N, C-alpha and C. Protein backbone atom coordinates (compact mmCIF):
# COMPACT_ATOMS: atom_id res chain seq x y z
N MET A 1 77.31 96.14 98.90
CA MET A 1 79.04 96.64 98.29
C MET A 1 78.63 95.79 96.88
N THR A 2 78.90 96.45 95.74
CA THR A 2 78.98 95.41 94.70
C THR A 2 80.35 95.31 94.49
N THR A 3 80.89 94.81 94.42
CA THR A 3 82.47 93.45 94.25
C THR A 3 82.72 92.90 92.60
N PHE A 4 84.08 92.75 92.50
CA PHE A 4 84.46 92.39 91.45
C PHE A 4 85.97 92.05 91.74
N ILE A 5 86.31 90.87 91.72
CA ILE A 5 87.71 90.88 91.34
C ILE A 5 87.60 90.27 89.58
N ARG A 6 89.29 91.02 89.57
CA ARG A 6 90.68 90.57 88.79
C ARG A 6 91.54 89.44 88.87
N PHE A 7 91.84 88.63 87.80
CA PHE A 7 92.83 87.69 87.74
C PHE A 7 93.35 87.15 87.16
N LEU A 8 94.35 87.11 85.90
CA LEU A 8 95.26 86.38 85.20
C LEU A 8 95.25 85.37 85.19
N PHE A 9 94.87 84.35 84.56
CA PHE A 9 95.50 82.93 84.29
C PHE A 9 97.15 82.62 83.51
N LYS A 10 97.02 81.60 83.58
CA LYS A 10 98.38 81.28 82.84
C LYS A 10 98.54 80.97 81.43
N GLY A 11 99.32 81.21 80.64
CA GLY A 11 99.09 81.52 79.70
C GLY A 11 98.26 82.01 79.00
N ALA A 12 97.70 82.56 79.27
CA ALA A 12 96.35 84.01 79.08
C ALA A 12 96.42 85.14 79.29
N LEU A 13 96.80 85.54 78.30
CA LEU A 13 96.83 87.29 78.53
C LEU A 13 96.71 87.59 79.92
N GLY A 14 95.13 87.38 80.28
CA GLY A 14 94.74 88.17 81.18
C GLY A 14 93.10 88.05 81.32
N CYS A 15 92.81 87.61 82.93
CA CYS A 15 91.51 87.33 83.63
C CYS A 15 91.20 87.97 85.18
N GLY A 16 90.17 88.67 85.45
CA GLY A 16 90.02 89.02 85.87
C GLY A 16 88.97 88.28 87.02
N LEU A 17 88.98 89.80 88.75
CA LEU A 17 87.58 88.92 88.89
C LEU A 17 87.82 91.34 89.63
N LEU A 18 87.00 91.77 89.42
CA LEU A 18 87.09 93.05 89.85
C LEU A 18 86.04 93.26 90.90
N LEU A 19 86.25 94.39 92.20
CA LEU A 19 85.39 94.82 93.04
C LEU A 19 84.83 95.95 92.99
N PHE A 20 84.17 96.58 91.81
CA PHE A 20 83.64 97.07 90.72
C PHE A 20 84.96 97.14 89.71
N CYS A 21 83.85 97.98 88.58
CA CYS A 21 84.60 97.94 87.59
C CYS A 21 84.24 99.78 87.00
N ASN A 22 85.65 100.36 87.39
CA ASN A 22 84.89 101.96 85.87
C ASN A 22 86.67 103.26 86.19
N SER A 23 86.76 103.93 84.60
CA SER A 23 87.98 104.16 84.50
C SER A 23 88.43 104.95 85.26
N THR A 24 87.51 105.43 86.15
CA THR A 24 87.72 107.06 87.54
C THR A 24 88.86 106.67 88.29
N LEU A 25 89.42 104.58 88.20
CA LEU A 25 90.64 104.03 89.73
C LEU A 25 91.88 105.01 88.83
N LEU A 26 91.86 105.19 87.92
CA LEU A 26 93.49 105.09 87.00
C LEU A 26 93.92 106.83 88.08
N GLN A 27 93.74 106.57 89.30
CA GLN A 27 93.95 107.62 90.44
C GLN A 27 95.39 106.46 92.02
N ALA A 28 96.45 106.51 91.70
CA ALA A 28 97.46 105.89 91.91
C ALA A 28 97.07 105.91 93.60
N GLN A 29 97.38 104.39 93.97
CA GLN A 29 96.55 104.59 94.93
C GLN A 29 98.12 104.95 96.30
N ILE A 30 97.60 105.34 96.91
CA ILE A 30 98.63 105.66 97.97
C ILE A 30 98.44 104.63 99.53
N SER A 31 99.90 103.90 99.73
CA SER A 31 100.01 102.26 100.48
C SER A 31 100.68 103.09 101.19
N ASN A 32 99.58 102.40 102.88
CA ASN A 32 101.81 103.40 103.67
C ASN A 32 102.61 102.57 104.77
N GLY A 33 102.83 100.63 104.30
CA GLY A 33 103.24 100.36 104.64
C GLY A 33 102.60 99.48 106.09
N GLY A 34 103.49 99.26 106.58
CA GLY A 34 103.38 98.36 107.54
C GLY A 34 103.03 97.63 107.79
N THR A 35 103.30 96.13 108.52
CA THR A 35 103.00 94.61 108.86
C THR A 35 101.02 94.45 108.82
N PRO A 36 100.11 92.92 108.69
CA PRO A 36 99.26 92.95 108.82
C PRO A 36 99.29 92.64 109.90
N LEU A 37 98.48 93.16 111.23
CA LEU A 37 98.32 92.65 112.63
C LEU A 37 98.19 91.03 112.87
N SER A 38 97.83 90.61 111.56
CA SER A 38 97.48 89.15 111.61
C SER A 38 98.99 88.22 111.94
N PHE A 39 99.99 88.87 110.96
CA PHE A 39 101.76 88.34 111.40
C PHE A 39 101.91 88.62 112.32
N GLY A 40 101.84 89.29 113.53
CA GLY A 40 102.29 90.01 114.95
C GLY A 40 101.42 89.21 115.91
N PHE A 41 101.10 89.82 116.84
CA PHE A 41 100.19 89.74 118.05
C PHE A 41 99.52 88.59 118.09
N VAL A 42 97.99 89.18 117.21
CA VAL A 42 96.94 88.79 116.46
C VAL A 42 97.24 87.08 116.40
N ALA A 43 96.71 85.98 117.32
CA ALA A 43 96.70 84.75 116.55
C ALA A 43 96.92 84.36 115.35
N ASP A 44 97.31 83.84 114.56
CA ASP A 44 97.09 83.87 113.08
C ASP A 44 95.99 83.10 112.87
N ARG A 45 94.61 83.27 111.88
CA ARG A 45 93.51 81.58 112.15
C ARG A 45 93.82 80.71 110.71
N THR A 46 93.48 80.16 110.83
CA THR A 46 93.41 79.25 109.58
C THR A 46 92.62 78.38 109.01
N ASP A 47 91.39 79.54 109.97
CA ASP A 47 90.34 78.89 109.77
C ASP A 47 89.29 80.39 108.83
N ILE A 48 89.93 81.31 107.98
CA ILE A 48 89.44 82.07 107.85
C ILE A 48 88.39 81.36 106.15
N PRO A 49 87.49 82.38 106.36
CA PRO A 49 86.87 81.80 105.55
C PRO A 49 87.03 81.96 103.67
N GLU A 50 86.80 81.27 102.68
CA GLU A 50 88.06 81.23 101.95
C GLU A 50 86.85 81.15 100.98
N LEU A 51 86.43 82.40 99.97
CA LEU A 51 85.88 82.23 98.25
C LEU A 51 86.60 82.11 97.72
N GLN A 52 85.81 80.96 96.17
CA GLN A 52 86.25 81.03 94.75
C GLN A 52 85.97 80.77 94.12
N THR A 53 86.32 81.57 92.98
CA THR A 53 85.41 82.61 91.83
C THR A 53 85.28 80.64 90.87
N SER A 54 84.62 80.87 89.99
CA SER A 54 84.18 79.43 89.01
C SER A 54 85.31 79.58 88.02
N VAL A 55 85.06 78.12 87.27
CA VAL A 55 85.89 77.91 86.83
C VAL A 55 86.33 78.37 84.78
N ILE A 56 87.50 78.95 84.59
CA ILE A 56 87.33 79.48 83.55
C ILE A 56 88.44 78.76 82.58
N ASP A 57 87.46 78.89 81.22
CA ASP A 57 87.51 77.63 80.11
C ASP A 57 89.28 78.51 79.21
N LEU A 58 90.04 77.86 80.16
CA LEU A 58 91.35 78.59 79.68
C LEU A 58 91.98 78.15 77.69
N ALA A 59 90.93 77.27 77.88
CA ALA A 59 91.84 76.66 76.36
C ALA A 59 91.25 77.36 75.66
N ALA A 60 89.33 77.64 75.87
CA ALA A 60 88.64 79.07 75.11
C ALA A 60 88.82 80.97 75.56
N ILE A 61 89.10 80.82 76.92
CA ILE A 61 89.90 82.51 76.32
C ILE A 61 91.48 82.11 75.64
N GLN A 62 92.65 81.42 75.86
CA GLN A 62 93.64 81.55 74.87
C GLN A 62 93.15 81.35 72.67
N ALA A 63 92.82 80.41 72.98
CA ALA A 63 91.67 80.39 71.33
C ALA A 63 91.38 82.39 70.67
N GLU A 64 90.56 82.51 72.45
CA GLU A 64 89.97 83.95 72.16
C GLU A 64 91.02 85.22 71.67
N ASP A 65 92.36 85.19 72.79
CA ASP A 65 93.60 86.08 72.65
C ASP A 65 94.15 85.56 71.23
N ALA A 66 94.14 84.17 71.25
CA ALA A 66 94.71 84.95 70.10
C ALA A 66 94.26 84.88 68.78
N ILE A 67 93.38 85.08 68.99
CA ILE A 67 92.06 85.36 67.36
C ILE A 67 92.73 86.81 68.07
N ARG A 68 92.08 87.44 68.70
CA ARG A 68 92.59 88.94 68.71
C ARG A 68 93.82 89.67 68.69
N ASP A 69 94.98 88.61 68.79
CA ASP A 69 96.45 89.03 68.21
C ASP A 69 96.47 89.34 66.84
N GLN A 70 96.32 88.51 66.63
CA GLN A 70 95.91 88.51 65.08
C GLN A 70 94.92 89.24 64.22
N GLN A 71 94.15 90.17 65.08
CA GLN A 71 93.42 91.67 64.62
C GLN A 71 93.61 92.62 64.95
N ASN A 72 95.07 92.54 65.85
CA ASN A 72 95.51 93.92 66.54
C ASN A 72 94.61 94.88 67.04
N VAL A 73 93.88 93.49 67.95
CA VAL A 73 93.61 94.90 68.97
C VAL A 73 94.06 95.10 69.79
N PRO A 74 93.60 95.74 71.30
CA PRO A 74 94.99 95.45 72.71
C PRO A 74 94.40 94.15 73.47
N TYR A 75 95.69 93.98 74.16
CA TYR A 75 95.47 92.76 74.48
C TYR A 75 94.79 92.53 76.24
N ARG A 76 93.77 91.74 76.06
CA ARG A 76 92.69 91.64 77.18
C ARG A 76 93.67 91.59 78.65
N PHE A 77 93.83 92.30 79.61
CA PHE A 77 93.75 92.42 80.93
C PHE A 77 93.76 91.62 81.72
N ALA A 78 91.64 91.22 81.83
CA ALA A 78 91.43 90.35 82.54
C ALA A 78 90.22 90.27 82.28
N ILE A 79 89.41 89.29 83.16
CA ILE A 79 88.21 88.81 82.97
C ILE A 79 87.43 88.50 83.90
N PRO A 80 86.81 89.57 83.92
CA PRO A 80 85.88 90.87 85.31
C PRO A 80 85.20 89.23 86.19
N PHE A 81 84.66 89.06 86.93
CA PHE A 81 83.40 88.47 88.14
C PHE A 81 82.73 89.28 88.89
N LYS A 82 81.75 89.84 88.34
CA LYS A 82 81.08 90.83 89.74
C LYS A 82 80.77 88.95 90.80
N ALA A 83 81.19 90.17 92.17
CA ALA A 83 81.27 89.74 93.58
C ALA A 83 80.23 90.11 94.26
N ASN A 84 80.06 89.75 95.47
CA ASN A 84 79.23 90.53 97.23
C ASN A 84 79.81 90.71 97.61
N TYR A 85 80.90 90.64 97.83
CA TYR A 85 81.98 90.30 99.17
C TYR A 85 81.84 92.03 100.02
N THR A 86 80.94 91.65 101.66
CA THR A 86 80.80 92.09 102.57
C THR A 86 81.74 92.58 103.46
N LEU A 87 82.46 93.44 104.54
CA LEU A 87 82.24 93.13 105.69
C LEU A 87 81.31 92.71 106.24
N GLN A 88 79.73 92.47 105.65
CA GLN A 88 78.94 91.88 106.69
C GLN A 88 78.43 90.39 106.27
N ASN A 89 79.01 89.72 105.11
CA ASN A 89 78.41 89.22 104.59
C ASN A 89 79.52 88.56 104.07
N SER A 90 80.47 88.65 104.16
CA SER A 90 81.66 87.17 103.96
C SER A 90 82.93 87.52 105.17
N GLY A 91 83.88 87.10 105.03
CA GLY A 91 84.63 87.02 105.43
C GLY A 91 84.52 86.31 107.11
N LEU A 92 85.78 86.99 108.28
CA LEU A 92 85.91 86.51 109.41
C LEU A 92 86.41 87.57 110.66
N TRP A 93 85.33 87.97 111.71
CA TRP A 93 85.59 88.59 112.52
C TRP A 93 85.87 87.91 113.56
N GLN A 94 86.91 89.11 114.46
CA GLN A 94 88.29 88.42 115.22
C GLN A 94 87.74 89.79 116.47
N THR A 95 87.16 89.86 117.50
CA THR A 95 87.19 91.09 118.37
C THR A 95 89.33 90.85 119.11
N LEU A 96 89.56 91.53 118.99
CA LEU A 96 90.61 92.40 120.31
C LEU A 96 90.34 92.44 121.24
N SER A 97 91.27 92.09 123.00
CA SER A 97 91.23 92.49 123.90
C SER A 97 91.46 94.13 124.13
N ASP A 98 91.36 95.26 123.24
CA ASP A 98 91.03 96.39 123.31
C ASP A 98 89.86 96.69 122.99
N GLY A 99 89.06 95.48 122.22
CA GLY A 99 87.66 96.03 121.06
C GLY A 99 87.95 96.62 120.36
N ALA A 100 89.00 96.30 119.65
CA ALA A 100 88.74 96.45 118.41
C ALA A 100 88.90 95.60 117.12
N ARG A 101 88.66 95.73 116.22
CA ARG A 101 88.29 94.37 115.26
C ARG A 101 88.87 94.07 114.18
N LEU A 102 89.64 93.01 114.03
CA LEU A 102 90.64 92.49 112.58
C LEU A 102 88.98 91.51 111.70
N TRP A 103 89.16 91.84 110.35
CA TRP A 103 88.51 90.77 109.27
C TRP A 103 89.62 90.50 109.02
N ARG A 104 89.29 89.43 108.27
CA ARG A 104 89.48 88.57 107.15
C ARG A 104 88.47 88.19 105.76
N LEU A 105 89.52 87.56 104.65
CA LEU A 105 89.02 86.58 103.98
C LEU A 105 89.94 86.49 103.12
N GLN A 106 89.94 85.24 102.58
CA GLN A 106 91.02 84.23 101.30
C GLN A 106 89.63 83.78 99.98
N VAL A 107 89.76 84.94 99.04
CA VAL A 107 90.45 84.85 98.00
C VAL A 107 90.69 84.23 96.79
N THR A 108 90.17 82.20 96.10
CA THR A 108 91.10 81.91 95.94
C THR A 108 89.86 81.72 94.16
N CYS A 109 91.50 82.80 93.19
CA CYS A 109 90.33 82.46 91.81
C CYS A 109 92.13 81.18 91.21
N PRO A 110 90.99 79.86 90.47
CA PRO A 110 92.20 78.53 90.38
C PRO A 110 92.73 78.68 89.29
N GLY A 111 93.86 78.73 89.21
CA GLY A 111 94.56 78.57 88.06
C GLY A 111 95.43 80.46 87.55
N ALA A 112 95.28 80.91 88.26
CA ALA A 112 95.39 82.39 88.42
C ALA A 112 96.83 82.89 88.80
N VAL A 113 97.48 83.69 87.99
CA VAL A 113 98.94 84.33 87.80
C VAL A 113 98.76 85.23 89.04
N SER A 114 97.96 86.17 88.54
CA SER A 114 97.18 86.93 89.30
C SER A 114 95.86 87.72 89.71
N THR A 115 95.78 88.22 91.13
CA THR A 115 94.49 88.84 91.04
C THR A 115 95.01 90.05 91.52
N ASN A 116 93.51 91.02 91.18
CA ASN A 116 93.53 92.34 91.89
C ASN A 116 92.17 92.66 91.93
N PHE A 117 92.09 93.23 93.31
CA PHE A 117 90.40 94.22 93.81
C PHE A 117 90.37 95.55 93.54
N LEU A 118 88.69 96.01 93.31
CA LEU A 118 88.29 96.58 91.84
C LEU A 118 86.84 96.73 93.30
N TYR A 119 86.95 98.27 94.07
CA TYR A 119 86.08 98.25 95.44
C TYR A 119 84.67 99.36 94.90
N SER A 120 83.47 98.80 95.04
CA SER A 120 82.79 99.97 94.33
C SER A 120 82.18 101.07 95.75
N ASP A 121 82.06 100.22 96.88
CA ASP A 121 81.51 101.06 97.85
C ASP A 121 82.55 101.21 99.25
N PHE A 122 84.05 101.42 98.56
CA PHE A 122 85.62 102.01 99.41
C PHE A 122 85.16 102.99 100.61
N TYR A 123 85.66 103.22 101.88
CA TYR A 123 85.71 104.26 102.60
C TYR A 123 86.13 103.19 104.12
N LEU A 124 87.59 103.81 104.50
CA LEU A 124 88.07 103.59 105.35
C LEU A 124 87.22 104.96 106.84
N PRO A 125 87.16 104.47 107.60
CA PRO A 125 87.06 105.41 108.56
C PRO A 125 88.37 105.62 109.73
N ASP A 126 88.67 106.75 110.30
CA ASP A 126 90.22 107.04 110.80
C ASP A 126 90.76 105.91 111.93
N GLY A 127 91.91 106.28 111.13
CA GLY A 127 92.30 104.60 112.59
C GLY A 127 92.82 102.98 112.08
N ALA A 128 90.97 103.05 110.68
CA ALA A 128 91.02 101.50 110.14
C ALA A 128 92.54 101.55 108.34
N PHE A 129 92.64 100.52 108.66
CA PHE A 129 93.28 99.89 107.53
C PHE A 129 92.95 99.10 107.11
N LEU A 130 93.32 98.64 105.68
CA LEU A 130 93.40 97.76 104.86
C LEU A 130 94.91 97.03 104.39
N PHE A 131 94.64 95.79 104.38
CA PHE A 131 96.09 95.23 103.98
C PHE A 131 95.68 94.14 103.02
N VAL A 132 95.92 93.42 101.88
CA VAL A 132 95.85 92.84 100.56
C VAL A 132 96.84 91.34 100.96
N TYR A 133 97.34 90.07 101.21
CA TYR A 133 99.05 89.48 101.11
C TYR A 133 98.14 88.16 100.55
N ASN A 134 99.18 87.55 99.35
CA ASN A 134 99.09 86.69 98.87
C ASN A 134 99.62 85.67 100.23
N LYS A 135 99.07 84.21 100.06
CA LYS A 135 98.43 83.50 101.11
C LYS A 135 100.61 82.68 101.82
N GLU A 136 100.89 83.19 100.92
CA GLU A 136 102.45 83.08 101.20
C GLU A 136 102.87 84.16 102.08
N LYS A 137 102.67 85.16 102.36
CA LYS A 137 102.59 85.78 102.80
C LYS A 137 104.36 86.81 102.32
N THR A 138 104.67 87.00 101.35
CA THR A 138 105.65 87.13 100.57
C THR A 138 105.70 88.93 99.58
N GLN A 139 103.98 89.25 99.34
CA GLN A 139 103.82 90.23 98.70
C GLN A 139 102.56 90.81 99.88
N VAL A 140 103.32 91.59 99.40
CA VAL A 140 101.73 92.66 100.95
C VAL A 140 101.58 93.36 100.71
N LEU A 141 100.18 94.32 100.68
CA LEU A 141 99.98 95.72 99.43
C LEU A 141 98.89 95.99 100.82
N GLY A 142 99.43 97.35 100.95
CA GLY A 142 98.99 98.33 101.37
C GLY A 142 100.10 98.67 103.25
N SER A 143 99.55 99.38 103.67
CA SER A 143 98.15 99.57 104.22
C SER A 143 97.80 100.50 103.87
N TYR A 144 96.84 100.39 103.36
CA TYR A 144 95.51 101.49 102.28
C TYR A 144 95.05 102.07 103.97
N ASN A 145 94.20 103.34 104.12
CA ASN A 145 93.47 104.17 105.03
C ASN A 145 92.89 105.32 104.73
N ILE A 146 92.12 106.03 106.03
CA ILE A 146 91.73 107.09 105.68
C ILE A 146 91.75 108.24 104.12
N HIS A 147 93.42 108.30 103.74
CA HIS A 147 93.94 109.19 102.74
C HIS A 147 93.19 107.72 101.35
N ASN A 148 93.43 107.11 101.78
CA ASN A 148 92.73 106.46 100.38
C ASN A 148 91.62 106.47 99.78
N ASN A 149 90.35 106.98 100.74
CA ASN A 149 89.31 107.29 100.12
C ASN A 149 88.98 108.38 99.71
N LEU A 150 87.86 108.73 98.01
CA LEU A 150 87.68 109.35 97.44
C LEU A 150 86.06 109.64 97.81
N ASP A 151 85.77 110.68 96.47
CA ASP A 151 84.35 111.08 97.35
C ASP A 151 83.55 109.59 96.43
N SER A 152 83.97 109.38 95.45
CA SER A 152 83.21 108.54 94.57
C SER A 152 83.33 107.16 95.34
N ARG A 153 83.91 106.75 96.10
CA ARG A 153 84.65 105.64 97.39
C ARG A 153 84.36 104.24 96.05
N LEU A 154 85.48 104.65 95.38
CA LEU A 154 85.50 103.83 94.30
C LEU A 154 87.59 103.29 95.07
N PHE A 155 88.21 102.42 94.63
CA PHE A 155 88.88 101.93 94.45
C PHE A 155 88.88 101.18 94.10
N ALA A 156 91.15 100.74 93.66
CA ALA A 156 91.48 99.29 93.14
C ALA A 156 92.86 99.44 94.37
N THR A 157 92.89 98.18 94.28
CA THR A 157 94.27 97.85 94.76
C THR A 157 95.27 97.17 93.63
N GLU A 158 96.37 97.32 93.88
CA GLU A 158 97.54 97.15 92.88
C GLU A 158 97.46 95.36 92.74
N ILE A 159 98.53 94.94 91.25
CA ILE A 159 98.04 93.34 91.38
C ILE A 159 99.28 92.50 92.24
N LEU A 160 98.11 91.66 92.50
CA LEU A 160 99.05 90.46 93.83
C LEU A 160 99.14 89.31 92.94
N VAL A 161 100.62 89.00 93.04
CA VAL A 161 100.60 87.93 92.34
C VAL A 161 100.59 86.92 93.00
N GLY A 162 99.36 85.37 92.21
CA GLY A 162 99.55 84.66 92.50
C GLY A 162 97.54 84.19 92.51
N GLU A 163 96.99 82.79 93.09
CA GLU A 163 95.94 82.13 92.79
C GLU A 163 94.61 83.18 94.02
N THR A 164 95.61 83.09 95.36
CA THR A 164 95.42 83.11 95.82
C THR A 164 95.55 85.07 97.18
N ALA A 165 94.38 85.96 97.22
CA ALA A 165 94.54 86.94 97.97
C ALA A 165 94.07 86.15 99.74
N ILE A 166 94.74 87.25 100.53
CA ILE A 166 93.61 87.76 101.82
C ILE A 166 93.32 89.11 101.49
N LEU A 167 92.66 89.47 102.04
CA LEU A 167 91.67 90.64 102.93
C LEU A 167 92.22 91.15 103.75
N GLU A 168 92.83 92.31 104.43
CA GLU A 168 92.66 92.17 105.55
C GLU A 168 92.85 93.33 106.05
N TYR A 169 91.09 93.80 107.28
CA TYR A 169 90.37 95.24 107.53
C TYR A 169 90.26 95.45 109.06
N TYR A 170 91.11 96.05 109.62
CA TYR A 170 91.48 96.48 111.01
C TYR A 170 90.61 97.71 111.22
N GLU A 171 89.49 97.84 112.34
CA GLU A 171 88.78 98.71 112.77
C GLU A 171 89.05 98.84 114.24
N PRO A 172 89.94 99.88 114.92
CA PRO A 172 89.72 100.35 116.46
C PRO A 172 88.10 100.50 116.41
N ALA A 173 88.02 100.01 118.06
CA ALA A 173 86.85 99.64 118.71
C ALA A 173 85.96 101.65 118.16
N ALA A 174 86.27 102.25 118.86
CA ALA A 174 86.10 104.16 118.65
C ALA A 174 85.18 103.46 117.04
N VAL A 175 85.57 103.70 116.24
CA VAL A 175 85.01 103.37 114.81
C VAL A 175 84.47 102.43 113.98
N ALA A 176 83.70 101.13 115.27
CA ALA A 176 83.16 99.63 115.15
C ALA A 176 82.20 99.82 114.15
N GLY A 177 82.25 99.05 112.86
CA GLY A 177 80.65 99.06 111.74
C GLY A 177 80.95 100.89 111.13
N GLN A 178 82.03 101.78 111.16
CA GLN A 178 81.84 102.28 109.69
C GLN A 178 82.47 102.06 108.84
N GLY A 179 82.82 101.33 108.34
CA GLY A 179 84.41 100.90 107.27
C GLY A 179 83.12 100.17 106.14
């Protein structure tokens, strides 16, 4: 899965990391609510792998944005970073007592005001769900489930405040490895 991540930096109009970028993502996300499993009965692990984006030259970005402002061009929303984070090559898997599995990955964009993710190969099987939340667990996006699947397999999450985001994916034992 090709991935990108977007993030916004303090003082700059925008910077980002995308888990893919495509204009067909203008469709609104359906969020089903709920609480990530790691917030409750599953022991919260502090050893969730953390991936960190490269450092951005914020002063250079701010200078570019000042010039762009004077040229009357559209505001910059984000600085994209292509990544290849998948359920197979990143994150931490935990097998639960019923055979279901929980996967988590922490992504940090140093200095970012917010992040959002764009997915190039998004598919959630029946019963699986995805949450994205900040490190403080004060903002939770999701849950996303089978109803968020598109024929294009493209998807994007809303903007999450802060420089660190945790992705949490749950899959029942019956659909293990299908997401």
